[in-house]
N, C-alpha and C. Protein backbone atom coordinates (compact mmCIF):
# COMPACT_ATOMS: atom_id res chain seq x y z
N MET A 1 -19.30 4.74 -20.59
CA MET A 1 -18.12 3.93 -20.46
C MET A 1 -17.90 3.54 -19.01
N ASP A 2 -18.09 4.47 -18.09
CA ASP A 2 -17.87 4.16 -16.68
C ASP A 2 -18.78 3.05 -16.20
N GLU A 3 -20.05 3.11 -16.60
CA GLU A 3 -20.99 2.06 -16.19
C GLU A 3 -20.60 0.71 -16.74
N LEU A 4 -20.25 0.67 -18.00
CA LEU A 4 -19.90 -0.61 -18.61
C LEU A 4 -18.60 -1.17 -18.06
N ALA A 5 -17.65 -0.32 -17.75
CA ALA A 5 -16.37 -0.77 -17.21
C ALA A 5 -16.53 -1.32 -15.80
N ARG A 6 -17.63 -0.98 -15.13
CA ARG A 6 -17.88 -1.46 -13.77
C ARG A 6 -19.05 -2.44 -13.69
N ASP A 7 -19.49 -2.97 -14.82
CA ASP A 7 -20.62 -3.89 -14.86
C ASP A 7 -20.25 -5.19 -14.16
N ALA A 8 -20.75 -5.36 -12.94
CA ALA A 8 -20.40 -6.53 -12.14
C ALA A 8 -21.06 -7.81 -12.64
N SER A 9 -22.10 -7.69 -13.41
CA SER A 9 -22.83 -8.88 -13.85
C SER A 9 -22.27 -9.52 -15.13
N ALA A 10 -21.40 -8.82 -15.84
CA ALA A 10 -20.93 -9.36 -17.12
C ALA A 10 -19.45 -9.05 -17.34
N ALA A 11 -18.62 -10.04 -17.12
CA ALA A 11 -17.18 -9.87 -17.33
C ALA A 11 -16.86 -9.62 -18.80
N ALA A 12 -17.66 -10.19 -19.69
CA ALA A 12 -17.43 -9.99 -21.12
C ALA A 12 -17.59 -8.52 -21.50
N VAL A 13 -18.49 -7.83 -20.84
CA VAL A 13 -18.70 -6.40 -21.13
C VAL A 13 -17.49 -5.60 -20.68
N ARG A 14 -16.98 -5.91 -19.49
CA ARG A 14 -15.79 -5.20 -19.00
C ARG A 14 -14.60 -5.46 -19.92
N ALA A 15 -14.46 -6.69 -20.39
CA ALA A 15 -13.37 -7.01 -21.32
C ALA A 15 -13.54 -6.27 -22.64
N ALA A 16 -14.78 -6.16 -23.11
CA ALA A 16 -15.04 -5.45 -24.37
C ALA A 16 -14.69 -3.97 -24.25
N VAL A 17 -14.93 -3.39 -23.08
CA VAL A 17 -14.56 -1.98 -22.86
C VAL A 17 -13.06 -1.83 -23.01
N ALA A 18 -12.30 -2.72 -22.37
CA ALA A 18 -10.85 -2.65 -22.45
C ALA A 18 -10.35 -2.88 -23.88
N GLU A 19 -10.97 -3.81 -24.59
CA GLU A 19 -10.56 -4.06 -25.97
C GLU A 19 -10.83 -2.84 -26.85
N GLY A 20 -11.95 -2.18 -26.62
CA GLY A 20 -12.27 -0.97 -27.38
C GLY A 20 -11.30 0.16 -27.07
N LEU A 21 -10.91 0.27 -25.81
CA LEU A 21 -9.94 1.30 -25.44
C LEU A 21 -8.59 1.05 -26.10
N ALA A 22 -8.20 -0.22 -26.20
CA ALA A 22 -6.92 -0.55 -26.85
C ALA A 22 -6.93 -0.10 -28.31
N PHE A 23 -8.07 -0.25 -28.96
CA PHE A 23 -8.20 0.21 -30.34
C PHE A 23 -8.13 1.74 -30.41
N LEU A 24 -8.81 2.40 -29.50
CA LEU A 24 -8.86 3.87 -29.53
C LEU A 24 -7.52 4.52 -29.19
N VAL A 25 -6.72 3.89 -28.38
CA VAL A 25 -5.42 4.46 -28.01
C VAL A 25 -4.56 4.71 -29.24
N GLU A 26 -4.72 3.88 -30.23
CA GLU A 26 -3.92 4.01 -31.45
C GLU A 26 -4.42 5.11 -32.38
N GLN A 27 -5.57 5.70 -32.07
CA GLN A 27 -6.14 6.76 -32.90
C GLN A 27 -5.71 8.12 -32.36
N PRO A 28 -4.89 8.86 -33.10
CA PRO A 28 -4.35 10.12 -32.60
C PRO A 28 -5.40 11.15 -32.16
N LEU A 29 -6.52 11.20 -32.83
CA LEU A 29 -7.54 12.19 -32.47
C LEU A 29 -8.26 11.83 -31.16
N ALA A 30 -8.22 10.58 -30.77
CA ALA A 30 -8.88 10.15 -29.53
C ALA A 30 -7.97 10.29 -28.31
N GLN A 31 -6.70 10.47 -28.51
CA GLN A 31 -5.75 10.45 -27.40
C GLN A 31 -5.98 11.55 -26.36
N PRO A 32 -6.32 12.77 -26.72
CA PRO A 32 -6.57 13.78 -25.67
C PRO A 32 -7.74 13.40 -24.75
N VAL A 33 -8.76 12.80 -25.31
CA VAL A 33 -9.90 12.37 -24.50
C VAL A 33 -9.51 11.18 -23.63
N LEU A 34 -8.78 10.26 -24.21
CA LEU A 34 -8.38 9.06 -23.48
C LEU A 34 -7.43 9.38 -22.33
N LYS A 35 -6.68 10.44 -22.47
CA LYS A 35 -5.76 10.83 -21.40
C LYS A 35 -6.52 11.06 -20.09
N LYS A 36 -7.74 11.55 -20.21
CA LYS A 36 -8.57 11.78 -19.03
C LYS A 36 -9.42 10.56 -18.68
N ALA A 37 -9.79 9.77 -19.67
CA ALA A 37 -10.70 8.65 -19.44
C ALA A 37 -10.00 7.38 -18.94
N LEU A 38 -8.80 7.13 -19.38
CA LEU A 38 -8.12 5.89 -19.01
C LEU A 38 -7.88 5.72 -17.51
N PRO A 39 -7.51 6.75 -16.78
CA PRO A 39 -7.34 6.55 -15.33
C PRO A 39 -8.62 6.09 -14.62
N ARG A 40 -9.77 6.44 -15.17
CA ARG A 40 -11.04 6.00 -14.56
C ARG A 40 -11.28 4.51 -14.79
N CYS A 41 -10.54 3.90 -15.70
CA CYS A 41 -10.69 2.47 -15.98
C CYS A 41 -9.52 1.64 -15.44
N ALA A 42 -8.67 2.25 -14.68
CA ALA A 42 -7.48 1.56 -14.17
C ALA A 42 -7.82 0.36 -13.31
N HIS A 43 -9.01 0.35 -12.72
CA HIS A 43 -9.42 -0.78 -11.89
C HIS A 43 -9.53 -2.08 -12.68
N LEU A 44 -9.62 -1.99 -14.00
CA LEU A 44 -9.70 -3.19 -14.83
C LEU A 44 -8.42 -4.03 -14.76
N LEU A 45 -7.34 -3.42 -14.37
CA LEU A 45 -6.08 -4.16 -14.24
C LEU A 45 -6.15 -5.18 -13.11
N THR A 46 -6.96 -4.93 -12.13
CA THR A 46 -7.10 -5.85 -10.99
C THR A 46 -8.46 -6.53 -10.99
N ASP A 47 -9.08 -6.63 -12.14
CA ASP A 47 -10.39 -7.27 -12.27
C ASP A 47 -10.30 -8.75 -11.92
N SER A 48 -11.42 -9.33 -11.50
CA SER A 48 -11.44 -10.74 -11.14
C SER A 48 -11.38 -11.66 -12.36
N ASN A 49 -11.73 -11.15 -13.53
CA ASN A 49 -11.75 -11.93 -14.75
C ASN A 49 -10.42 -11.80 -15.50
N ALA A 50 -9.83 -12.93 -15.87
CA ALA A 50 -8.53 -12.93 -16.55
C ALA A 50 -8.59 -12.27 -17.92
N ARG A 51 -9.69 -12.48 -18.64
CA ARG A 51 -9.81 -11.88 -19.98
C ARG A 51 -9.81 -10.35 -19.89
N THR A 52 -10.48 -9.83 -18.88
CA THR A 52 -10.53 -8.38 -18.68
C THR A 52 -9.15 -7.83 -18.33
N ARG A 53 -8.44 -8.52 -17.43
CA ARG A 53 -7.08 -8.09 -17.07
C ARG A 53 -6.16 -8.11 -18.28
N LYS A 54 -6.28 -9.15 -19.09
CA LYS A 54 -5.44 -9.27 -20.29
C LYS A 54 -5.76 -8.16 -21.29
N ALA A 55 -7.04 -7.86 -21.45
CA ALA A 55 -7.44 -6.80 -22.38
C ALA A 55 -6.93 -5.44 -21.91
N PHE A 56 -6.98 -5.19 -20.59
CA PHE A 56 -6.48 -3.91 -20.10
C PHE A 56 -4.95 -3.85 -20.19
N ALA A 57 -4.30 -4.99 -20.05
CA ALA A 57 -2.85 -5.02 -20.25
C ALA A 57 -2.50 -4.63 -21.69
N SER A 58 -3.35 -5.01 -22.63
CA SER A 58 -3.16 -4.60 -24.02
C SER A 58 -3.30 -3.09 -24.17
N VAL A 59 -4.21 -2.51 -23.40
CA VAL A 59 -4.35 -1.05 -23.40
C VAL A 59 -3.06 -0.41 -22.91
N LEU A 60 -2.52 -0.94 -21.83
CA LEU A 60 -1.29 -0.37 -21.28
C LEU A 60 -0.11 -0.53 -22.23
N ARG A 61 -0.06 -1.65 -22.94
CA ARG A 61 1.00 -1.82 -23.95
C ARG A 61 0.86 -0.80 -25.06
N ALA A 62 -0.37 -0.52 -25.47
CA ALA A 62 -0.61 0.48 -26.52
C ALA A 62 -0.25 1.87 -26.03
N VAL A 63 -0.52 2.15 -24.77
CA VAL A 63 -0.22 3.47 -24.19
C VAL A 63 1.29 3.71 -24.18
N ARG A 64 2.07 2.66 -23.98
CA ARG A 64 3.53 2.82 -23.96
C ARG A 64 4.06 3.46 -25.23
N GLY A 65 3.39 3.23 -26.35
CA GLY A 65 3.85 3.78 -27.63
C GLY A 65 3.29 5.15 -27.96
N VAL A 66 2.56 5.75 -27.04
CA VAL A 66 1.92 7.05 -27.29
C VAL A 66 2.62 8.11 -26.45
N ARG A 67 3.11 9.14 -27.12
CA ARG A 67 3.81 10.21 -26.40
C ARG A 67 2.88 11.08 -25.57
N ALA A 68 1.65 11.21 -26.00
CA ALA A 68 0.71 12.12 -25.34
C ALA A 68 0.20 11.60 -24.00
N ILE A 69 0.31 10.28 -23.77
CA ILE A 69 -0.22 9.68 -22.54
C ILE A 69 0.91 8.93 -21.84
N LYS A 70 1.12 9.26 -20.58
CA LYS A 70 2.14 8.54 -19.80
C LYS A 70 1.49 7.35 -19.12
N LEU A 71 2.20 6.25 -19.10
CA LEU A 71 1.69 5.03 -18.48
C LEU A 71 1.36 5.25 -17.01
N THR A 72 2.21 6.00 -16.32
CA THR A 72 1.98 6.24 -14.89
C THR A 72 0.83 7.19 -14.63
N ASP A 73 0.36 7.90 -15.65
CA ASP A 73 -0.84 8.72 -15.50
C ASP A 73 -2.10 7.85 -15.56
N VAL A 74 -2.00 6.71 -16.21
CA VAL A 74 -3.12 5.79 -16.32
C VAL A 74 -3.22 4.93 -15.07
N VAL A 75 -2.10 4.29 -14.72
CA VAL A 75 -2.05 3.41 -13.54
C VAL A 75 -0.81 3.79 -12.74
N PRO A 76 -0.97 4.11 -11.47
CA PRO A 76 0.21 4.44 -10.65
C PRO A 76 1.20 3.27 -10.62
N SER A 77 2.47 3.58 -10.54
CA SER A 77 3.50 2.54 -10.63
C SER A 77 3.38 1.51 -9.52
N ASP A 78 2.90 1.88 -8.34
CA ASP A 78 2.76 0.89 -7.28
C ASP A 78 1.68 -0.13 -7.61
N LYS A 79 0.63 0.27 -8.34
CA LYS A 79 -0.42 -0.65 -8.77
C LYS A 79 0.09 -1.58 -9.86
N LEU A 80 1.01 -1.09 -10.70
CA LEU A 80 1.58 -1.95 -11.74
C LEU A 80 2.41 -3.07 -11.13
N LEU A 81 3.07 -2.78 -10.04
CA LEU A 81 3.92 -3.77 -9.40
C LEU A 81 3.12 -4.83 -8.66
N VAL A 82 1.89 -4.52 -8.30
CA VAL A 82 1.05 -5.49 -7.58
C VAL A 82 0.72 -6.67 -8.48
N ARG A 83 0.40 -6.40 -9.72
CA ARG A 83 0.06 -7.47 -10.65
C ARG A 83 1.29 -7.86 -11.40
């Protein structure tokens, strides 16, 4: 996941990672793992590709509805205010 989320040659791959994460956030059994994995993908919020940023914003919206994961644990609040 880390390699694909940082694939500089293919923005579509980075967007697909974020889209997959948005799906997994809604799965209760995946949430403990995602709690540790999502902060490693926080850089997608400031990606150069708009589709990737939009897909990661969908992840953050999904995280808002999950009690087990805090939004500020995924992306620090100062980074949220930048975008």
